[in-house]
Protein backbone atom coordinates (compact mmCIF):
# COMPACT_ATOMS: atom_id res chain seq x y z
CA ASN A 1 23.15 29.22 34.80
CA LEU A 2 26.05 31.08 33.21
CA ALA A 3 28.27 30.30 36.19
CA GLN A 4 27.38 26.61 35.93
CA GLY A 5 28.27 26.61 32.24
CA GLN A 6 31.61 28.30 32.88
CA ASN A 7 32.36 25.85 35.70
CA ALA A 8 31.55 22.85 33.50
CA SER A 9 33.71 24.13 30.64
CA LEU A 10 36.54 24.84 33.09
CA VAL A 11 36.37 21.28 34.45
CA THR A 12 36.35 19.93 30.90
CA PHE A 13 39.34 22.09 29.96
CA VAL A 14 41.30 21.08 33.07
CA GLY A 15 40.55 17.41 32.41
CA TYR A 16 41.68 17.79 28.80
CA LEU A 17 44.85 19.62 29.84
CA PHE A 18 45.58 16.96 32.47
CA SER A 19 45.24 14.13 29.93
CA VAL A 20 47.51 15.98 27.48
CA CYS A 21 50.13 16.49 30.20
CA LEU A 22 49.93 12.80 31.12
CA SER A 23 50.36 11.81 27.47
CA LEU A 24 53.40 14.06 27.08
CA TYR A 25 54.85 12.83 30.38
CA PHE A 26 54.54 9.15 29.45
CA ASN A 27 55.89 9.94 25.97
CA CYS A 28 58.98 11.49 27.57
CA VAL A 29 59.37 8.62 30.06
CA GLY A 30 58.90 6.01 27.34
CA GLY A 31 61.25 7.81 24.93
CA GLU A 32 64.14 8.63 27.24
CA ASN A 33 66.58 7.22 24.69
CA LEU A 34 65.27 9.74 22.13
CA ILE A 35 65.93 12.61 24.54
CA THR A 36 69.51 11.58 25.38
CA GLU A 37 70.53 11.09 21.74
């Protein structure tokens, strides 16, 4: 039961981290002009 809970929280954390990385990536791609200036 404890292992299942840890696995579920790990999957949730990885999914959250992945969505954050995607958001930052698309922010950088969409704001290339902000980076070059």
